[in-house]
């Protein structure tokens, strides 16, 4: 029985040893026969960029600026004769409007009509006196020649009396003209179509020369002085400065949430360059500013876009693509620097006048670190 147990133990041990030997053999075989894994170098990182394909063409320079709207003419109403106001137009209130030739005020005319009648009488009297003096002079000359052959002396010919009569006639005529002018000045009429800005008049009020009764603005057109850098004058037409005809312009304002645009044109430059800002004011005029709803009111702060010259074979690129005077190009998988000439910035775009040609791919992606010739990869083309 003991021999049988020994035989079983020996058998189990032999089986275990056999299994271990076979397992070790298989492990060695697998290690020996597994395929060799080739080591690969990690790929280098390439910045990913977006590009814009350039197509040159005609691009218009737009010069923008800001200014306050002002009237073409501002007039203070000052009477030239004195008296009591017998009529004041209903439009003579702040904001009231009127047309050219409208009667605004009338001063009591009675004294001036009497003065005119008196001047007319004085003129007739002076004419009569001159006729009488001329007749007396003729009679005196006739009597002189009855006994003399030479010219009569001035006193005999009554020449001093004639000169005095002629002078009196001139004075009477001047007095009549003055009386007529004073009567005409009792009526104050509008020299232009406009608007009342300030007034201090009432019917029955006594007025006199030198006192301002009202302030009027002309409304037939409005002007906006726009400060610009002097270099901008080379891109626009300014009458009397760079050309005969002024550049067209757009005047833009936001009134009560409504964006309104008026058409205008450059009429002149105010000439003098501001010594502090080195800017020059270009004046843009808008005809019939009150014909719009809402109107282009005086004092309004507006934006002005002046349509300048057209550049042929120029390129328009995003402002973000410009790095001082250099743009980045994508060429054969690399980033290349290209120096360009900037004509003008228009909003978020810049107009490139030289340095780019059709087909150039401008990189419009921002990169923190760049070098000329660095490798990049394009993910999007515009």
Protein backbone atom coordinates (compact mmCIF):
# COMPACT_ATOMS: atom_id res chain seq x y z
CA UNK A 1 0.00 0.00 0.00
CA UNK A 2 2.84 2.32 0.81
CA UNK A 3 4.47 1.48 -2.51
CA UNK A 4 1.26 2.44 -4.34
CA UNK A 5 1.12 5.87 -2.67
CA UNK A 6 4.74 6.53 -3.49
CA UNK A 7 4.13 5.67 -7.10
CA UNK A 8 1.18 8.16 -7.28
CA UNK A 9 3.23 10.98 -5.73
CA UNK A 10 6.10 10.36 -8.12
CA UNK A 11 3.65 10.43 -11.05
CA UNK A 12 2.07 13.74 -9.96
CA UNK A 13 5.47 15.34 -9.51
CA UNK A 14 6.56 14.18 -12.93
CA UNK A 15 3.42 15.67 -14.53
CA UNK A 16 3.93 19.03 -12.76
CA UNK A 17 7.56 19.19 -13.78
CA UNK A 18 6.60 18.37 -17.37
CA UNK A 19 3.99 21.17 -17.43
CA UNK A 20 6.50 23.69 -16.07
CA UNK A 21 9.12 22.68 -18.62
CA UNK A 22 6.61 22.92 -21.50
CA UNK A 23 5.43 26.39 -20.30
CA UNK A 24 8.97 27.69 -20.10
CA UNK A 25 9.67 26.32 -23.55
CA UNK A 26 6.59 27.99 -25.03
CA UNK A 27 7.49 31.35 -23.45
CA UNK A 28 11.00 31.17 -24.87
CA UNK A 29 9.55 30.26 -28.28
CA UNK A 30 7.10 33.18 -28.28
CA UNK A 31 9.79 35.67 -27.29
CA UNK A 32 12.15 34.33 -29.90
CA UNK A 33 9.61 34.30 -32.72
CA UNK A 34 7.63 37.60 -32.10
CA UNK A 35 7.98 40.24 -34.94
CA UNK A 36 10.40 43.06 -34.34
CA UNK A 37 8.65 46.46 -33.77
CA UNK A 38 10.35 49.30 -35.63
CA UNK A 39 10.71 52.53 -33.67
CA UNK A 40 9.25 55.65 -35.44
CA UNK A 41 10.37 59.18 -34.93
CA UNK A 42 7.60 61.53 -33.68
CA UNK A 43 6.37 63.95 -36.36
CA UNK A 44 7.42 67.61 -35.95
CA UNK A 45 4.56 70.03 -34.98
CA UNK A 46 3.52 72.41 -37.79
CA UNK A 47 1.48 75.55 -37.09
CA UNK A 48 -1.89 75.42 -38.83
CA UNK A 49 -2.90 78.57 -40.74
CA UNK A 50 -5.74 80.00 -42.83
CA UNK A 51 -4.90 81.80 -46.06
CA UNK A 52 -6.56 84.36 -48.32
CA UNK A 53 -5.96 84.16 -52.06
CA UNK A 54 -5.25 87.60 -53.47
CA UNK A 55 -7.06 89.02 -56.46
CA UNK A 56 -6.06 92.55 -57.34
CA UNK A 57 -8.54 95.05 -58.75
CA UNK A 58 -9.98 98.54 -58.44
CA UNK A 59 -10.41 99.71 -54.85
CA UNK A 60 -11.71 103.12 -53.84
CA UNK A 61 -10.00 105.03 -51.07
CA UNK A 62 -12.47 106.14 -48.38
CA UNK A 63 -11.37 108.88 -45.99
CA UNK A 64 -13.44 109.00 -42.82
CA UNK A 65 -13.77 111.60 -40.11
CA UNK A 66 -16.17 113.26 -37.70
CA UNK A 67 -17.56 116.76 -37.27
CA UNK A 68 -20.39 118.97 -36.05
CA UNK A 69 -23.13 120.17 -38.40
CA UNK A 70 -23.30 123.95 -38.77
CA UNK A 71 -25.31 126.35 -40.97
CA UNK A 72 -23.88 127.97 -44.06
CA UNK A 73 -24.93 131.40 -42.77
CA UNK A 74 -25.71 132.67 -39.29
CA UNK A 75 -27.26 136.15 -39.11
CA UNK A 76 -28.14 138.40 -36.19
CA UNK A 77 -31.25 140.51 -36.88
CA UNK A 78 -30.45 144.12 -35.91
CA UNK A 79 -32.84 146.97 -36.82
CA UNK A 80 -31.45 149.93 -38.76
CA UNK A 81 -34.18 152.33 -37.64
CA UNK A 82 -35.92 152.84 -34.31
CA UNK A 83 -39.57 152.64 -33.35
CA UNK A 84 -42.29 150.44 -31.94
CA UNK A 85 -42.92 147.01 -33.43
CA UNK A 86 -46.38 146.89 -34.98
CA UNK A 87 -46.02 143.40 -36.46
CA UNK A 88 -44.07 140.25 -35.51
CA UNK A 89 -44.35 137.11 -37.66
CA UNK A 90 -45.84 134.04 -35.94
CA UNK A 91 -42.71 132.21 -37.12
CA UNK A 92 -40.48 134.43 -34.98
CA UNK A 93 -40.14 131.81 -32.25
CA UNK A 94 -37.31 129.40 -31.49
CA UNK A 95 -37.38 126.68 -34.12
CA UNK A 96 -39.71 128.65 -36.38
CA UNK A 97 -38.99 128.39 -40.10
CA UNK A 98 -39.40 130.96 -42.85
CA UNK A 99 -38.78 131.44 -46.56
CA UNK A 100 -36.68 133.97 -48.37
CA UNK A 101 -38.50 137.30 -48.61
CA UNK A 102 -40.93 136.61 -45.75
CA UNK A 103 -41.83 139.61 -43.56
CA UNK A 104 -40.45 138.93 -40.10
CA UNK A 105 -41.08 142.26 -38.32
CA UNK A 106 -42.46 145.73 -39.04
CA UNK A 107 -41.65 148.93 -37.17
CA UNK A 108 -44.27 151.71 -36.90
CA UNK A 109 -44.11 153.44 -40.31
CA UNK A 110 -46.10 156.63 -39.63
CA UNK A 111 -43.18 158.90 -38.72
CA UNK A 112 -41.18 157.56 -41.66
CA UNK A 113 -44.01 158.13 -44.14
CA UNK A 114 -44.30 161.73 -42.92
CA UNK A 115 -40.53 162.15 -43.27
CA UNK A 116 -40.78 160.84 -46.83
CA UNK A 117 -43.55 163.33 -47.69
CA UNK A 118 -41.53 166.19 -46.20
CA UNK A 119 -38.48 165.16 -48.22
CA UNK A 120 -40.55 165.06 -51.39
CA UNK A 121 -41.77 168.61 -50.69
CA UNK A 122 -38.22 169.81 -50.05
CA UNK A 123 -37.11 168.32 -53.32
CA UNK A 124 -39.85 170.11 -55.25
CA UNK A 125 -38.96 173.37 -53.49
CA UNK A 126 -35.28 172.91 -54.40
CA UNK A 127 -36.19 172.27 -58.04
CA UNK A 128 -38.30 175.42 -58.11
CA UNK A 129 -35.54 177.51 -56.52
CA UNK A 130 -33.03 176.26 -59.07
CA UNK A 131 -35.36 177.15 -61.97
CA UNK A 132 -35.88 180.66 -60.60
CA UNK A 133 -32.15 181.17 -60.09
CA UNK A 134 -31.42 179.97 -63.62
CA UNK A 135 -33.94 182.48 -65.01
CA UNK A 136 -32.41 185.29 -62.96
CA UNK A 137 -28.96 184.33 -64.23
CA UNK A 138 -30.16 184.39 -67.85
CA UNK A 139 -31.76 187.81 -67.36
CA UNK A 140 -28.60 189.20 -65.75
CA UNK A 141 -26.42 187.94 -68.61
CA UNK A 142 -28.79 189.40 -71.17
CA UNK A 143 -28.67 192.82 -69.54
CA UNK A 144 -24.85 192.63 -69.26
CA UNK A 145 -24.37 191.91 -72.96
CA UNK A 146 -26.47 194.95 -73.88
CA UNK A 147 -23.60 197.20 -72.76
CA UNK A 148 -20.58 194.84 -72.73
CA UNK A 149 -18.89 192.45 -75.11
CA UNK A 150 -16.87 190.35 -72.67
CA UNK A 151 -18.14 187.65 -70.27
CA UNK A 152 -19.97 188.99 -67.19
CA UNK A 153 -18.31 188.57 -63.77
CA UNK A 154 -19.53 185.55 -61.71
CA UNK A 155 -21.41 187.77 -59.28
CA UNK A 156 -23.24 189.51 -62.12
CA UNK A 157 -24.11 186.15 -63.72
CA UNK A 158 -25.36 184.95 -60.31
CA UNK A 159 -23.10 181.89 -60.46
CA UNK A 160 -22.80 181.58 -56.64
CA UNK A 161 -26.60 181.54 -56.39
CA UNK A 162 -26.74 178.87 -59.12
CA UNK A 163 -24.20 176.67 -57.31
CA UNK A 164 -26.12 177.03 -54.06
CA UNK A 165 -29.40 176.11 -55.75
CA UNK A 166 -27.83 173.06 -57.41
CA UNK A 167 -26.33 171.94 -54.07
CA UNK A 168 -29.69 172.40 -52.36
CA UNK A 169 -31.31 170.23 -55.02
CA UNK A 170 -28.73 167.47 -54.47
CA UNK A 171 -29.27 167.65 -50.73
CA UNK A 172 -33.03 167.47 -51.17
CA UNK A 173 -32.67 164.45 -53.46
CA UNK A 174 -30.39 162.75 -50.92
CA UNK A 175 -32.87 163.52 -48.16
CA UNK A 176 -35.64 161.94 -50.19
CA UNK A 177 -33.54 158.84 -50.85
CA UNK A 178 -32.71 158.58 -47.15
CA UNK A 179 -36.36 158.96 -46.16
CA UNK A 180 -37.36 156.26 -48.64
CA UNK A 181 -34.61 153.95 -47.37
CA UNK A 182 -35.64 154.50 -43.75
CA UNK A 183 -39.24 153.67 -44.62
CA UNK A 184 -38.09 150.52 -46.40
CA UNK A 185 -36.04 149.54 -43.35
CA UNK A 186 -39.12 149.55 -41.14
CA UNK A 187 -39.89 146.16 -42.68
CA UNK A 188 -37.40 143.43 -41.78
CA UNK A 189 -37.54 140.62 -44.33
CA UNK A 190 -35.67 137.33 -44.59
CA UNK A 191 -32.69 137.34 -46.94
CA UNK A 192 -32.79 133.53 -47.13
CA UNK A 193 -34.87 130.53 -46.14
CA UNK A 194 -34.01 129.54 -42.61
CA UNK A 195 -34.80 128.88 -38.99
CA UNK A 196 -35.04 131.03 -35.86
CA UNK A 197 -32.45 130.00 -33.27
CA UNK A 198 -32.93 132.78 -30.71
CA UNK A 199 -35.37 135.69 -30.44
CA UNK A 200 -36.31 138.43 -28.00
CA UNK A 201 -39.11 140.36 -29.70
CA UNK A 202 -42.76 141.09 -29.00
CA UNK A 203 -45.36 143.22 -30.72
CA UNK A 204 -45.40 146.71 -29.21
CA UNK A 205 -41.75 146.51 -28.14
CA UNK A 206 -39.56 149.55 -28.83
CA UNK A 207 -36.44 148.71 -30.80
CA UNK A 208 -33.41 150.71 -31.84
CA UNK A 209 -30.32 150.25 -34.04
CA UNK A 210 -27.61 148.11 -32.45
CA UNK A 211 -29.91 145.78 -30.53
CA UNK A 212 -30.00 142.09 -31.56
CA UNK A 213 -33.62 141.00 -31.97
CA UNK A 214 -33.06 137.45 -33.22
CA UNK A 215 -30.50 134.97 -34.57
CA UNK A 216 -31.27 133.16 -37.83
CA UNK A 217 -29.67 130.11 -39.48
CA UNK A 218 -29.89 129.46 -43.20
CA UNK A 219 -31.36 126.01 -43.89
CA UNK A 220 -30.83 125.68 -47.64
CA UNK A 221 -27.65 123.74 -46.90
CA UNK A 222 -25.49 122.59 -44.01
CA UNK A 223 -21.73 122.27 -43.63
CA UNK A 224 -19.57 119.88 -41.63
CA UNK A 225 -15.92 120.80 -41.00
CA UNK A 226 -14.04 117.48 -40.81
CA UNK A 227 -10.51 117.46 -39.33
CA UNK A 228 -8.21 115.21 -41.40
CA UNK A 229 -4.50 114.48 -41.39
CA UNK A 230 -2.84 116.46 -44.15
CA UNK A 231 -1.75 113.26 -45.93
CA UNK A 232 -5.42 112.42 -46.56
CA UNK A 233 -5.74 115.41 -48.88
CA UNK A 234 -3.76 113.47 -51.47
CA UNK A 235 -6.54 110.90 -51.75
CA UNK A 236 -9.53 113.23 -52.20
CA UNK A 237 -10.56 116.15 -54.44
CA UNK A 238 -10.77 119.52 -52.70
CA UNK A 239 -11.89 122.55 -54.80
CA UNK A 240 -9.25 125.24 -54.90
CA UNK A 241 -6.74 122.93 -53.27
CA UNK A 242 -6.26 119.75 -55.30
CA UNK A 243 -8.95 120.04 -58.01
CA UNK A 244 -11.89 122.05 -59.33
CA UNK A 245 -14.63 119.64 -58.24
CA UNK A 246 -14.98 118.18 -54.76
CA UNK A 247 -15.22 114.49 -53.87
CA UNK A 248 -18.66 113.07 -53.01
CA UNK A 249 -19.29 112.20 -49.37
CA UNK A 250 -21.77 110.42 -47.13
CA UNK A 251 -22.86 111.93 -43.83
CA UNK A 252 -24.07 109.38 -41.27
CA UNK A 253 -25.88 109.97 -37.99
CA UNK A 254 -27.84 107.87 -35.52
CA UNK A 255 -30.95 109.80 -34.47
CA UNK A 256 -33.31 108.17 -31.99
CA UNK A 257 -31.99 104.78 -33.00
CA UNK A 258 -32.51 105.47 -36.71
CA UNK A 259 -29.42 105.39 -38.91
CA UNK A 260 -29.78 108.16 -41.47
CA UNK A 261 -27.50 108.91 -44.41
CA UNK A 262 -27.25 112.19 -46.33
CA UNK A 263 -25.34 112.79 -49.56
CA UNK A 264 -22.89 115.67 -49.68
CA UNK A 265 -19.67 116.82 -51.31
CA UNK A 266 -16.42 118.51 -50.42
CA UNK A 267 -16.56 122.25 -51.09
CA UNK A 268 -13.28 123.56 -49.66
CA UNK A 269 -10.51 123.22 -47.12
CA UNK A 270 -10.30 125.83 -44.40
CA UNK A 271 -6.65 126.21 -45.34
CA UNK A 272 -4.76 126.60 -42.13
CA UNK A 273 -3.24 123.49 -40.54
CA UNK A 274 -3.78 123.29 -36.79
CA UNK A 275 -0.31 123.70 -35.25
CA UNK A 276 -1.22 121.45 -32.31
CA UNK A 277 -2.92 118.52 -34.04
CA UNK A 278 -1.33 118.95 -37.51
CA UNK A 279 -4.81 118.45 -38.94
CA UNK A 280 -6.60 120.44 -41.64
CA UNK A 281 -10.36 120.92 -41.77
CA UNK A 282 -12.13 119.86 -44.97
CA UNK A 283 -15.67 121.23 -45.32
CA UNK A 284 -18.43 118.91 -46.57
CA UNK A 285 -21.71 120.50 -47.68
CA UNK A 286 -25.16 118.86 -47.66
CA UNK A 287 -27.93 120.47 -49.71
CA UNK A 288 -31.46 120.72 -48.23
CA UNK A 289 -30.55 119.10 -44.90
CA UNK A 290 -34.08 119.56 -43.53
CA UNK A 291 -35.76 117.68 -46.39
CA UNK A 292 -35.10 114.35 -44.61
CA UNK A 293 -37.09 112.80 -41.80
CA UNK A 294 -35.41 113.12 -39.36
CA UNK A 295 -33.55 116.25 -40.55
CA UNK A 296 -29.81 116.87 -40.39
CA UNK A 297 -30.04 119.24 -37.45
CA UNK A 298 -27.44 121.88 -36.68
CA UNK A 299 -25.10 120.94 -33.86
CA UNK A 300 -25.42 117.21 -34.57
CA UNK A 301 -22.17 115.19 -34.30
CA UNK A 302 -21.85 113.02 -37.41
CA UNK A 303 -19.55 110.60 -39.17
CA UNK A 304 -18.39 111.54 -42.67
CA UNK A 305 -17.16 109.14 -45.37
CA UNK A 306 -15.40 110.96 -48.22
CA UNK A 307 -15.18 108.95 -51.45
CA UNK A 308 -11.58 109.28 -52.63
CA UNK A 309 -9.55 108.16 -55.61
CA UNK A 310 -9.68 104.67 -57.13
CA UNK A 311 -6.48 102.58 -57.00
CA UNK A 312 -6.04 100.18 -59.90
CA UNK A 313 -4.43 96.76 -59.36
CA UNK A 314 -4.58 97.09 -55.60
CA UNK A 315 -5.42 94.43 -53.02
CA UNK A 316 -7.84 94.48 -50.10
CA UNK A 317 -6.79 92.40 -47.08
CA UNK A 318 -7.93 92.15 -43.46
CA UNK A 319 -6.26 94.62 -41.14
CA UNK A 320 -5.19 91.71 -38.92
CA UNK A 321 -3.08 90.31 -41.78
CA UNK A 322 -0.81 93.35 -41.76
CA UNK A 323 2.19 93.41 -39.44
CA UNK A 324 3.48 96.99 -39.69
CA UNK A 325 4.48 97.03 -43.39
CA UNK A 326 4.79 93.25 -43.80
CA UNK A 327 2.34 90.47 -44.65
CA UNK A 328 2.95 86.72 -44.29
CA UNK A 329 2.65 84.59 -47.42
CA UNK A 330 2.23 80.83 -47.72
CA UNK A 331 4.68 79.56 -50.35
CA UNK A 332 5.60 75.89 -50.89
CA UNK A 333 4.68 74.90 -47.36
CA UNK A 334 6.57 77.73 -45.76
CA UNK A 335 5.75 81.12 -44.25
CA UNK A 336 7.43 83.97 -46.09
CA UNK A 337 7.68 87.67 -45.24
CA UNK A 338 6.60 90.16 -47.92
CA UNK A 339 7.00 93.92 -47.55
CA UNK A 340 4.03 95.89 -48.91
CA UNK A 341 2.90 99.50 -49.33
CA UNK A 342 -0.30 100.41 -47.52
CA UNK A 343 -2.44 103.05 -49.23
CA UNK A 344 -5.24 103.42 -46.70
CA UNK A 345 -7.04 101.68 -43.87
CA UNK A 346 -10.80 101.34 -44.41
CA UNK A 347 -12.55 99.97 -41.32
CA UNK A 348 -11.17 96.48 -40.65
CA UNK A 349 -9.54 96.30 -44.09
CA UNK A 350 -6.38 97.77 -45.59
CA UNK A 351 -5.77 98.65 -49.22
CA UNK A 352 -2.36 97.46 -50.42
CA UNK A 353 -1.17 99.54 -53.38
CA UNK A 354 1.99 97.50 -54.13
CA UNK A 355 3.73 94.33 -52.97
CA UNK A 356 1.01 91.77 -53.74
CA UNK A 357 -0.02 90.10 -56.98
CA UNK A 358 -2.83 87.87 -58.16
CA UNK A 359 -2.62 84.38 -56.69
CA UNK A 360 -0.57 85.26 -53.61
CA UNK A 361 -1.76 83.41 -50.52
CA UNK A 362 -1.77 85.77 -47.54
CA UNK A 363 -1.80 84.16 -44.10
CA UNK A 364 -4.61 85.66 -42.04
CA UNK A 365 -4.10 83.54 -38.90
CA UNK A 366 -2.43 85.09 -35.85
CA UNK A 367 0.77 83.35 -34.76
CA UNK A 368 2.67 84.32 -31.64
CA UNK A 369 6.14 83.40 -32.92
CA UNK A 370 7.10 83.47 -36.60
CA UNK A 371 10.28 83.32 -38.62
CA UNK A 372 10.77 83.83 -42.32
CA UNK A 373 10.87 80.39 -43.93
CA UNK A 374 9.26 78.42 -41.11
CA UNK A 375 7.13 75.44 -42.14
CA UNK A 376 3.37 75.76 -41.75
CA UNK A 377 0.31 73.77 -42.76
CA UNK A 378 -2.84 75.20 -44.37
CA UNK A 379 -6.18 73.99 -43.06
CA UNK A 380 -8.43 76.47 -44.84
CA UNK A 381 -8.17 78.62 -47.93
CA UNK A 382 -10.42 81.64 -48.51
